[in-house]
Amino acid sequence: MTDHTSCLVLRLAGPLQSWGGRGQFNRRDTLDEPTKSGILGLLAAAQGLRRQESIEALLGLSLGVRTDQPGSLLRDYHTVSDLRGRPLLSATVNAKGVQKATSPAKHTHVTHRFYLQDAVFVAAVSGPVDLLRTLADALRSPAFPLALGRRSCPPAMPLLLTPDKTNRVDQEALWAGGPLDVLGQVPWQASQRHRTSRFGRDDRPSVVDLPVTVDDEDGNDVRVDVPHSFYPLHRGFNTRRVRQEWVRVPTGWPDTGHTDHDPFALLGW
């Protein structure tokens, strides 16, 4: 099997996710879908790579992301202070990597942090088969805790999606095909509540069209989310080109249209 003709598939779901864009200091925004930096960081954590270690092997991976359940935006407003009553440190650091003191001295920071709540994404990562197998093993038994963009956002299970026999590469947890092809094969991962709210209780189509973003050197859109390194003193990002697509996947609803009892249906939940 040659490079980039098989994929590792991740289900990115949890109560909260946050995929940072350009937000800094007292305002931390989130994009509406996972970033390549965030996904590579998750894979690096699973492997046990420390921030100062090279991530060069991961930078050649190709990425596709499908939005199965967009979720909703949550703003977290809170204040930060030192319990000892001391002035807070600045967000900037000196040449030795030590935080500078605030000037004039500040005792309280007000911060705004944004999250996606109840979102579900499917990410297909393609690259050399040997590397993908290593990453799959690492995801089954991660060296460090995994997070969906921020440490406070742990993923829900299952994280690693394995294919059925028809889409499997050998006997491994890898899917056959590139990211776009594979994202058209993975079943819809949205919750039953989201499915019902999207289509209603009586309209249950057999397929659904879902938006996809895939790496493409000739793509029309540019993302600035390919990290140089995760080491704080050398952080920086390169660009990548992407294109937007749609894939049609089965909804998984039975033909009978039977639904389980839902006590919240009359409330429109």
C-alpha atoms as a PDB file:
ATOM      1  CA  MET A   1       0.000   0.000   0.000  1.00  0.00           C
ATOM      2  CA  THR A   2       1.514   3.339  -1.057  1.00  0.00           C
ATOM      3  CA  ASP A   3       1.494   6.552   0.944  1.00  0.00           C
ATOM      4  CA  HIS A   4      -1.743   8.503   1.364  1.00  0.00           C
ATOM      5  CA  THR A   5      -4.010   5.706   0.111  1.00  0.00           C
ATOM      6  CA  SER A   6      -5.175   4.702   3.578  1.00  0.00           C
ATOM      7  CA  CYS A   7      -6.532   6.681   6.507  1.00  0.00           C
ATOM      8  CA  LEU A   8      -6.782   6.737  10.255  1.00  0.00           C
ATOM      9  CA  VAL A   9     -10.256   7.951  11.270  1.00  0.00           C
ATOM     10  CA  LEU A  10     -10.998   9.897  14.457  1.00  0.00           C
ATOM     11  CA  ARG A  11     -14.374  10.710  15.959  1.00  0.00           C
ATOM     12  CA  LEU A  12     -13.976  14.120  17.622  1.00  0.00           C
ATOM     13  CA  ALA A  13     -16.879  14.490  20.031  1.00  0.00           C
ATOM     14  CA  GLY A  14     -17.312  15.679  23.604  1.00  0.00           C
ATOM     15  CA  PRO A  15     -19.240  18.113  25.797  1.00  0.00           C
ATOM     16  CA  LEU A  16     -16.809  20.911  24.825  1.00  0.00           C
ATOM     17  CA  GLN A  17     -14.259  21.496  22.076  1.00  0.00           C
ATOM     18  CA  SER A  18     -12.157  24.555  21.265  1.00  0.00           C
ATOM     19  CA  TRP A  19     -10.063  24.859  18.122  1.00  0.00           C
ATOM     20  CA  GLY A  20      -8.148  28.095  18.470  1.00  0.00           C
ATOM     21  CA  GLY A  21      -7.606  30.438  15.571  1.00  0.00           C
ATOM     22  CA  ARG A  22      -5.993  33.833  16.074  1.00  0.00           C
ATOM     23  CA  GLY A  23      -7.355  34.522  19.562  1.00  0.00           C
ATOM     24  CA  GLN A  24      -4.726  35.465  22.149  1.00  0.00           C
ATOM     25  CA  PHE A  25      -4.349  36.776  25.680  1.00  0.00           C
ATOM     26  CA  ASN A  26      -7.722  37.666  27.235  1.00  0.00           C
ATOM     27  CA  ARG A  27      -9.834  36.445  24.296  1.00  0.00           C
ATOM     28  CA  ARG A  28      -9.552  32.856  23.077  1.00  0.00           C
ATOM     29  CA  ASP A  29     -11.766  32.156  20.092  1.00  0.00           C
ATOM     30  CA  THR A  30     -12.684  28.842  18.523  1.00  0.00           C
ATOM     31  CA  LEU A  31     -13.114  28.016  14.861  1.00  0.00           C
ATOM     32  CA  ASP A  32     -16.168  26.099  13.698  1.00  0.00           C
ATOM     33  CA  GLU A  33     -14.178  22.942  12.889  1.00  0.00           C
ATOM     34  CA  PRO A  34     -10.981  21.271  14.119  1.00  0.00           C
ATOM     35  CA  THR A  35      -7.643  22.750  13.074  1.00  0.00           C
ATOM     36  CA  LYS A  36      -4.727  20.757  11.720  1.00  0.00           C
ATOM     37  CA  SER A  37      -2.606  22.036  14.594  1.00  0.00           C
ATOM     38  CA  GLY A  38      -5.111  20.724  17.125  1.00  0.00           C
ATOM     39  CA  ILE A  39      -5.330  17.283  15.531  1.00  0.00           C
ATOM     40  CA  LEU A  40      -1.557  16.968  15.162  1.00  0.00           C
ATOM     41  CA  GLY A  41      -1.236  18.007  18.807  1.00  0.00           C
ATOM     42  CA  LEU A  42      -3.644  15.253  19.822  1.00  0.00           C
ATOM     43  CA  LEU A  43      -1.627  12.684  17.844  1.00  0.00           C
ATOM     44  CA  ALA A  44       1.653  13.966  19.306  1.00  0.00           C
ATOM     45  CA  ALA A  45       0.241  13.666  22.830  1.00  0.00           C
ATOM     46  CA  ALA A  46      -0.875  10.103  22.145  1.00  0.00           C
ATOM     47  CA  GLN A  47       2.663   9.251  21.024  1.00  0.00           C
ATOM     48  CA  GLY A  48       4.166  10.831  24.123  1.00  0.00           C
ATOM     49  CA  LEU A  49       6.035  13.595  22.267  1.00  0.00           C
ATOM     50  CA  ARG A  50       6.993  16.468  24.533  1.00  0.00           C
ATOM     51  CA  ARG A  51       6.579  20.057  23.397  1.00  0.00           C
ATOM     52  CA  GLN A  52      10.257  20.542  22.594  1.00  0.00           C
ATOM     53  CA  GLU A  53      10.481  17.362  20.490  1.00  0.00           C
ATOM     54  CA  SER A  54      10.291  17.372  16.697  1.00  0.00           C
ATOM     55  CA  ILE A  55       6.913  16.794  15.034  1.00  0.00           C
ATOM     56  CA  GLU A  56       8.401  16.614  11.533  1.00  0.00           C
ATOM     57  CA  ALA A  57       7.055  13.090  10.962  1.00  0.00           C
ATOM     58  CA  LEU A  58       3.491  14.342  11.528  1.00  0.00           C
ATOM     59  CA  LEU A  59       3.701  17.390   9.262  1.00  0.00           C
ATOM     60  CA  GLY A  60       3.438  15.295   6.084  1.00  0.00           C
ATOM     61  CA  LEU A  61       0.049  13.881   7.057  1.00  0.00           C
ATOM     62  CA  SER A  62      -2.929  14.896   4.925  1.00  0.00           C
ATOM     63  CA  LEU A  63      -6.191  15.823   6.651  1.00  0.00           C
ATOM     64  CA  GLY A  64      -9.895  15.809   5.914  1.00  0.00           C
ATOM     65  CA  VAL A  65     -12.581  16.924   8.396  1.00  0.00           C
ATOM     66  CA  ARG A  66     -16.321  16.236   8.158  1.00  0.00           C
ATOM     67  CA  THR A  67     -18.880  18.119  10.247  1.00  0.00           C
ATOM     68  CA  ASP A  68     -21.480  15.645  11.466  1.00  0.00           C
ATOM     69  CA  GLN A  69     -22.984  17.847  14.191  1.00  0.00           C
ATOM     70  CA  PRO A  70     -21.956  21.525  14.269  1.00  0.00           C
ATOM     71  CA  GLY A  71     -22.911  22.132  17.907  1.00  0.00           C
ATOM     72  CA  SER A  72     -23.361  25.624  19.317  1.00  0.00           C
ATOM     73  CA  LEU A  73     -21.066  28.390  20.530  1.00  0.00           C
ATOM     74  CA  LEU A  74     -20.469  28.843  24.268  1.00  0.00           C
ATOM     75  CA  ARG A  75     -18.756  31.866  25.819  1.00  0.00           C
ATOM     76  CA  ASP A  76     -17.033  31.333  29.153  1.00  0.00           C
ATOM     77  CA  TYR A  77     -16.533  34.593  31.084  1.00  0.00           C
ATOM     78  CA  HIS A  78     -14.297  34.422  34.120  1.00  0.00           C
ATOM     79  CA  THR A  79     -11.677  36.305  36.106  1.00  0.00           C
ATOM     80  CA  VAL A  80      -8.170  35.229  37.088  1.00  0.00           C
ATOM     81  CA  SER A  81      -6.291  36.378  40.199  1.00  0.00           C
ATOM     82  CA  ASP A  82      -3.494  35.177  42.484  1.00  0.00           C
ATOM     83  CA  LEU A  83      -4.843  33.659  45.707  1.00  0.00           C
ATOM     84  CA  ARG A  84      -1.846  35.146  47.553  1.00  0.00           C
ATOM     85  CA  GLY A  85      -2.858  38.660  46.528  1.00  0.00           C
ATOM     86  CA  ARG A  86       0.223  39.182  44.379  1.00  0.00           C
ATOM     87  CA  PRO A  87       0.148  41.075  41.055  1.00  0.00           C
ATOM     88  CA  LEU A  88      -0.337  38.867  38.013  1.00  0.00           C
ATOM     89  CA  LEU A  89       2.384  38.094  35.505  1.00  0.00           C
ATOM     90  CA  SER A  90       2.260  39.294  31.924  1.00  0.00           C
ATOM     91  CA  ALA A  91       1.452  36.989  29.011  1.00  0.00           C
ATOM     92  CA  THR A  92       4.784  37.922  27.406  1.00  0.00           C
ATOM     93  CA  VAL A  93       8.102  36.291  28.247  1.00  0.00           C
ATOM     94  CA  ASN A  94      11.703  37.482  28.269  1.00  0.00           C
ATOM     95  CA  ALA A  95      14.591  35.952  26.312  1.00  0.00           C
ATOM     96  CA  LYS A  96      14.960  33.224  28.934  1.00  0.00           C
ATOM     97  CA  GLY A  97      11.331  32.220  28.643  1.00  0.00           C
ATOM     98  CA  VAL A  98      10.347  33.696  32.019  1.00  0.00           C
ATOM     99  CA  GLN A  99       7.082  35.609  32.225  1.00  0.00           C
ATOM    100  CA  LYS A 100       7.390  39.349  32.689  1.00  0.00           C
ATOM    101  CA  ALA A 101       5.568  41.256  35.403  1.00  0.00           C
ATOM    102  CA  THR A 102       2.527  43.307  34.424  1.00  0.00           C
ATOM    103  CA  SER A 103       3.190  47.027  34.197  1.00  0.00           C
ATOM    104  CA  PRO A 104       1.320  48.720  35.746  1.00  0.00           C
ATOM    105  CA  ALA A 105       0.619  45.884  38.159  1.00  0.00           C
ATOM    106  CA  LYS A 106      -2.663  44.052  37.604  1.00  0.00           C
ATOM    107  CA  HIS A 107      -4.353  41.940  40.226  1.00  0.00           C
ATOM    108  CA  THR A 108      -7.233  40.631  38.096  1.00  0.00           C
ATOM    109  CA  HIS A 109      -7.550  39.477  34.503  1.00  0.00           C
ATOM    110  CA  VAL A 110     -10.927  39.222  32.787  1.00  0.00           C
ATOM    111  CA  THR A 111     -10.926  36.548  30.100  1.00  0.00           C
ATOM    112  CA  HIS A 112     -13.399  35.435  27.445  1.00  0.00           C
ATOM    113  CA  ARG A 113     -12.997  31.905  26.145  1.00  0.00           C
ATOM    114  CA  PHE A 114     -15.159  30.355  23.478  1.00  0.00           C
ATOM    115  CA  TYR A 115     -16.080  26.702  23.003  1.00  0.00           C
ATOM    116  CA  LEU A 116     -18.166  24.492  20.747  1.00  0.00           C
ATOM    117  CA  GLN A 117     -20.620  22.495  22.807  1.00  0.00           C
ATOM    118  CA  ASP A 118     -22.152  19.166  21.715  1.00  0.00           C
ATOM    119  CA  ALA A 119     -20.300  19.144  18.381  1.00  0.00           C
ATOM    120  CA  VAL A 120     -19.256  16.016  16.499  1.00  0.00           C
ATOM    121  CA  PHE A 121     -16.612  15.840  13.757  1.00  0.00           C
ATOM    122  CA  VAL A 122     -14.974  13.026  11.836  1.00  0.00           C
ATOM    123  CA  ALA A 123     -11.309  13.488  10.870  1.00  0.00           C
ATOM    124  CA  ALA A 124      -9.536  11.321   8.285  1.00  0.00           C
ATOM    125  CA  VAL A 125      -5.731  11.422   8.463  1.00  0.00           C
ATOM    126  CA  SER A 126      -3.727   9.887   5.611  1.00  0.00           C
ATOM    127  CA  GLY A 127      -0.033   9.195   5.287  1.00  0.00           C
ATOM    128  CA  PRO A 128       2.498   6.339   5.323  1.00  0.00           C
ATOM    129  CA  VAL A 129       0.873   3.132   6.502  1.00  0.00           C
ATOM    130  CA  ASP A 130       3.598   2.348   9.049  1.00  0.00           C
ATOM    131  CA  LEU A 131       3.153   5.767  10.663  1.00  0.00           C
ATOM    132  CA  LEU A 132      -0.640   5.419  10.722  1.00  0.00           C
ATOM    133  CA  ARG A 133      -0.368   2.030  12.407  1.00  0.00           C
ATOM    134  CA  THR A 134       1.937   3.526  15.025  1.00  0.00           C
ATOM    135  CA  LEU A 135      -0.536   6.339  15.637  1.00  0.00           C
ATOM    136  CA  ALA A 136      -3.437   3.898  15.916  1.00  0.00           C
ATOM    137  CA  ASP A 137      -1.570   1.960  18.617  1.00  0.00           C
ATOM    138  CA  ALA A 138      -0.787   5.225  20.419  1.00  0.00           C
ATOM    139  CA  LEU A 139      -4.443   6.300  20.353  1.00  0.00           C
ATOM    140  CA  ARG A 140      -5.488   2.993  21.925  1.00  0.00           C
ATOM    141  CA  SER A 141      -3.045   3.573  24.790  1.00  0.00           C
ATOM    142  CA  PRO A 142      -2.066   7.281  24.823  1.00  0.00           C
ATOM    143  CA  ALA A 143       1.030   8.410  26.698  1.00  0.00           C
ATOM    144  CA  PHE A 144      -0.504  11.766  27.690  1.00  0.00           C
ATOM    145  CA  PRO A 145      -4.156  12.779  28.234  1.00  0.00           C
ATOM    146  CA  LEU A 146      -5.859  13.681  24.962  1.00  0.00           C
ATOM    147  CA  ALA A 147      -7.891  16.840  24.374  1.00  0.00           C
ATOM    148  CA  LEU A 148     -10.106  18.429  21.739  1.00  0.00           C
ATOM    149  CA  GLY A 149      -8.129  21.642  21.270  1.00  0.00           C
ATOM    150  CA  ARG A 150      -7.685  22.484  24.979  1.00  0.00           C
ATOM    151  CA  ARG A 151      -6.738  20.439  28.015  1.00  0.00           C
ATOM    152  CA  SER A 152     -10.150  21.094  29.575  1.00  0.00           C
ATOM    153  CA  CYS A 153     -11.895  19.370  26.628  1.00  0.00           C
ATOM    154  CA  PRO A 154     -11.443  15.574  26.827  1.00  0.00           C
ATOM    155  CA  PRO A 155     -12.844  13.480  23.972  1.00  0.00           C
ATOM    156  CA  ALA A 156     -15.781  11.125  24.330  1.00  0.00           C
ATOM    157  CA  MET A 157     -15.420   7.506  23.311  1.00  0.00           C
ATOM    158  CA  PRO A 158     -14.960   6.029  20.817  1.00  0.00           C
ATOM    159  CA  LEU A 159     -12.131   8.205  19.538  1.00  0.00           C
ATOM    160  CA  LEU A 160     -10.680   5.774  17.007  1.00  0.00           C
ATOM    161  CA  LEU A 161     -13.203   4.537  14.418  1.00  0.00           C
ATOM    162  CA  THR A 162     -12.388   1.199  12.802  1.00  0.00           C
ATOM    163  CA  PRO A 163     -13.790   0.097   9.420  1.00  0.00           C
ATOM    164  CA  ASP A 164     -15.745  -3.002   8.571  1.00  0.00           C
ATOM    165  CA  LYS A 165     -14.108  -5.785   6.603  1.00  0.00           C
ATOM    166  CA  THR A 166     -14.929  -4.286   3.191  1.00  0.00           C
ATOM    167  CA  ASN A 167     -13.128  -0.964   3.879  1.00  0.00           C
ATOM    168  CA  ARG A 168     -10.234  -2.289   5.961  1.00  0.00           C
ATOM    169  CA  VAL A 169      -6.542  -2.182   5.058  1.00  0.00           C
ATOM    170  CA  ASP A 170      -5.267  -5.681   5.849  1.00  0.00           C
ATOM    171  CA  GLN A 171      -6.346  -6.489   9.421  1.00  0.00           C
ATOM    172  CA  GLU A 172      -5.522  -3.064  10.824  1.00  0.00           C
ATOM    173  CA  ALA A 173      -7.683  -0.178  12.028  1.00  0.00           C
ATOM    174  CA  LEU A 174      -6.991   1.724   8.788  1.00  0.00           C
ATOM    175  CA  TRP A 175      -9.506   2.664   6.111  1.00  0.00           C
ATOM    176  CA  ALA A 176      -8.765   2.166   2.408  1.00  0.00           C
ATOM    177  CA  GLY A 177      -8.693   5.358   0.332  1.00  0.00           C
ATOM    178  CA  GLY A 178      -7.787   9.018   0.678  1.00  0.00           C
ATOM    179  CA  PRO A 179      -9.471  11.432   3.129  1.00  0.00           C
ATOM    180  CA  LEU A 180     -12.335  12.482   0.845  1.00  0.00           C
ATOM    181  CA  ASP A 181     -13.167   8.908  -0.164  1.00  0.00           C
ATOM    182  CA  VAL A 182     -13.004   7.667   3.412  1.00  0.00           C
ATOM    183  CA  LEU A 183     -15.178  10.489   4.758  1.00  0.00           C
ATOM    184  CA  GLY A 184     -17.827   9.332   2.317  1.00  0.00           C
ATOM    185  CA  GLN A 185     -17.702   5.825   3.830  1.00  0.00           C
ATOM    186  CA  VAL A 186     -17.798   6.533   7.589  1.00  0.00           C
ATOM    187  CA  PRO A 187     -21.370   6.307   8.979  1.00  0.00           C
ATOM    188  CA  TRP A 188     -23.041   9.476  10.274  1.00  0.00           C
ATOM    189  CA  GLN A 189     -21.891  10.093  13.868  1.00  0.00           C
ATOM    190  CA  ALA A 190     -24.484  12.667  14.967  1.00  0.00           C
ATOM    191  CA  SER A 191     -26.561  12.050  18.082  1.00  0.00           C
ATOM    192  CA  GLN A 192     -30.152  10.868  17.808  1.00  0.00           C
ATOM    193  CA  ARG A 193     -31.364  14.189  19.206  1.00  0.00           C
ATOM    194  CA  HIS A 194     -29.508  16.148  16.515  1.00  0.00           C
ATOM    195  CA  ARG A 195     -30.855  13.884  13.781  1.00  0.00           C
ATOM    196  CA  THR A 196     -34.406  14.327  14.999  1.00  0.00           C
ATOM    197  CA  SER A 197     -34.081  18.102  15.368  1.00  0.00           C
ATOM    198  CA  ARG A 198     -32.602  18.415  11.870  1.00  0.00           C
ATOM    199  CA  PHE A 199     -35.175  16.366  10.003  1.00  0.00           C
ATOM    200  CA  GLY A 200     -38.146  16.158  12.358  1.00  0.00           C
ATOM    201  CA  ARG A 201     -39.731  13.017  13.696  1.00  0.00           C
ATOM    202  CA  ASP A 202     -41.579  12.062  10.517  1.00  0.00           C
ATOM    203  CA  ASP A 203     -39.097  13.034   7.785  1.00  0.00           C
ATOM    204  CA  ARG A 204     -36.329  10.438   7.899  1.00  0.00           C
ATOM    205  CA  PRO A 205     -34.235  10.303   4.714  1.00  0.00           C
ATOM    206  CA  SER A 206     -31.948   7.370   4.026  1.00  0.00           C
ATOM    207  CA  VAL A 207     -28.932   9.633   3.275  1.00  0.00           C
ATOM    208  CA  VAL A 208     -27.602  12.990   4.445  1.00  0.00           C
ATOM    209  CA  ASP A 209     -25.193  15.484   2.839  1.00  0.00           C
ATOM    210  CA  LEU A 210     -22.378  16.626   5.137  1.00  0.00           C
ATOM    211  CA  PRO A 211     -19.734  19.364   4.608  1.00  0.00           C
ATOM    212  CA  VAL A 212     -16.090  18.347   4.323  1.00  0.00           C
ATOM    213  CA  THR A 213     -12.793  20.282   4.313  1.00  0.00           C
ATOM    214  CA  VAL A 214      -9.804  18.469   2.797  1.00  0.00           C
ATOM    215  CA  ASP A 215      -6.169  19.351   2.187  1.00  0.00           C
ATOM    216  CA  ASP A 216      -5.579  20.239  -1.464  1.00  0.00           C
ATOM    217  CA  GLU A 217      -2.510  21.975  -2.920  1.00  0.00           C
ATOM    218  CA  ASP A 218      -4.784  23.524  -5.578  1.00  0.00           C
ATOM    219  CA  GLY A 219      -7.557  24.478  -3.153  1.00  0.00           C
ATOM    220  CA  ASN A 220      -9.084  27.951  -3.134  1.00  0.00           C
ATOM    221  CA  ASP A 221      -9.013  28.461   0.647  1.00  0.00           C
ATOM    222  CA  VAL A 222      -5.993  28.987   2.901  1.00  0.00           C
ATOM    223  CA  ARG A 223      -5.678  27.946   6.559  1.00  0.00           C
ATOM    224  CA  VAL A 224      -2.867  29.141   8.846  1.00  0.00           C
ATOM    225  CA  ASP A 225      -2.758  26.147  11.188  1.00  0.00           C
ATOM    226  CA  VAL A 226       0.249  23.964  10.328  1.00  0.00           C
ATOM    227  CA  PRO A 227       2.577  24.198  13.348  1.00  0.00           C
ATOM    228  CA  HIS A 228       6.366  24.548  13.189  1.00  0.00           C
ATOM    229  CA  SER A 229       6.668  23.181  16.701  1.00  0.00           C
ATOM    230  CA  PHE A 230       4.664  22.964  19.920  1.00  0.00           C
ATOM    231  CA  TYR A 231       7.551  24.351  21.969  1.00  0.00           C
ATOM    232  CA  PRO A 232       6.295  27.690  23.421  1.00  0.00           C
ATOM    233  CA  LEU A 233       9.491  29.606  22.522  1.00  0.00           C
ATOM    234  CA  HIS A 234       9.388  28.515  18.875  1.00  0.00           C
ATOM    235  CA  ARG A 235       5.693  28.430  18.107  1.00  0.00           C
ATOM    236  CA  GLY A 236       4.602  29.497  14.665  1.00  0.00           C
ATOM    237  CA  PHE A 237       2.364  28.340  11.852  1.00  0.00           C
ATOM    238  CA  ASN A 238       2.609  27.691   8.137  1.00  0.00           C
ATOM    239  CA  THR A 239      -0.265  27.847   5.681  1.00  0.00           C
ATOM    240  CA  ARG A 240      -2.014  25.036   3.860  1.00  0.00           C
ATOM    241  CA  ARG A 241      -4.499  25.055   1.018  1.00  0.00           C
ATOM    242  CA  VAL A 242      -7.863  23.340   1.393  1.00  0.00           C
ATOM    243  CA  ARG A 243     -11.036  22.858  -0.585  1.00  0.00           C
ATOM    244  CA  GLN A 244     -14.652  22.499   0.510  1.00  0.00           C
ATOM    245  CA  GLU A 245     -16.677  19.467  -0.552  1.00  0.00           C
ATOM    246  CA  TRP A 246     -19.848  17.570   0.340  1.00  0.00           C
ATOM    247  CA  VAL A 247     -20.213  13.852   0.920  1.00  0.00           C
ATOM    248  CA  ARG A 248     -23.404  11.813   1.045  1.00  0.00           C
ATOM    249  CA  VAL A 249     -23.563   9.147   3.741  1.00  0.00           C
ATOM    250  CA  PRO A 250     -26.338   6.832   4.993  1.00  0.00           C
ATOM    251  CA  THR A 251     -28.312   8.082   7.972  1.00  0.00           C
ATOM    252  CA  GLY A 252     -28.673   4.602   9.441  1.00  0.00           C
ATOM    253  CA  TRP A 253     -32.398   4.961  10.124  1.00  0.00           C
ATOM    254  CA  PRO A 254     -34.392   1.747   9.791  1.00  0.00           C
ATOM    255  CA  ASP A 255     -36.852   1.585   6.917  1.00  0.00           C
ATOM    256  CA  THR A 256     -39.764   1.075   9.310  1.00  0.00           C
ATOM    257  CA  GLY A 257     -39.446   4.611  10.687  1.00  0.00           C
ATOM    258  CA  HIS A 258     -39.927   3.303  14.251  1.00  0.00           C
ATOM    259  CA  THR A 259     -38.508   5.554  16.994  1.00  0.00           C
ATOM    260  CA  ASP A 260     -37.903   5.007  20.670  1.00  0.00           C
ATOM    261  CA  HIS A 261     -40.073   6.823  23.181  1.00  0.00           C
ATOM    262  CA  ASP A 262     -38.804  10.379  23.752  1.00  0.00           C
ATOM    263  CA  PRO A 263     -40.335  12.106  26.838  1.00  0.00           C
ATOM    264  CA  PHE A 264     -38.984  15.507  25.709  1.00  0.00           C
ATOM    265  CA  ALA A 265     -40.511  15.449  22.222  1.00  0.00           C
ATOM    266  CA  LEU A 266     -43.535  17.635  23.188  1.00  0.00           C
ATOM    267  CA  LEU A 267     -41.121  20.303  24.463  1.00  0.00           C
ATOM    268  CA  GLY A 268     -39.351  20.447  21.100  1.00  0.00           C
ATOM    269  CA  TRP A 269     -36.028  19.349  22.556  1.00  0.00           C
END
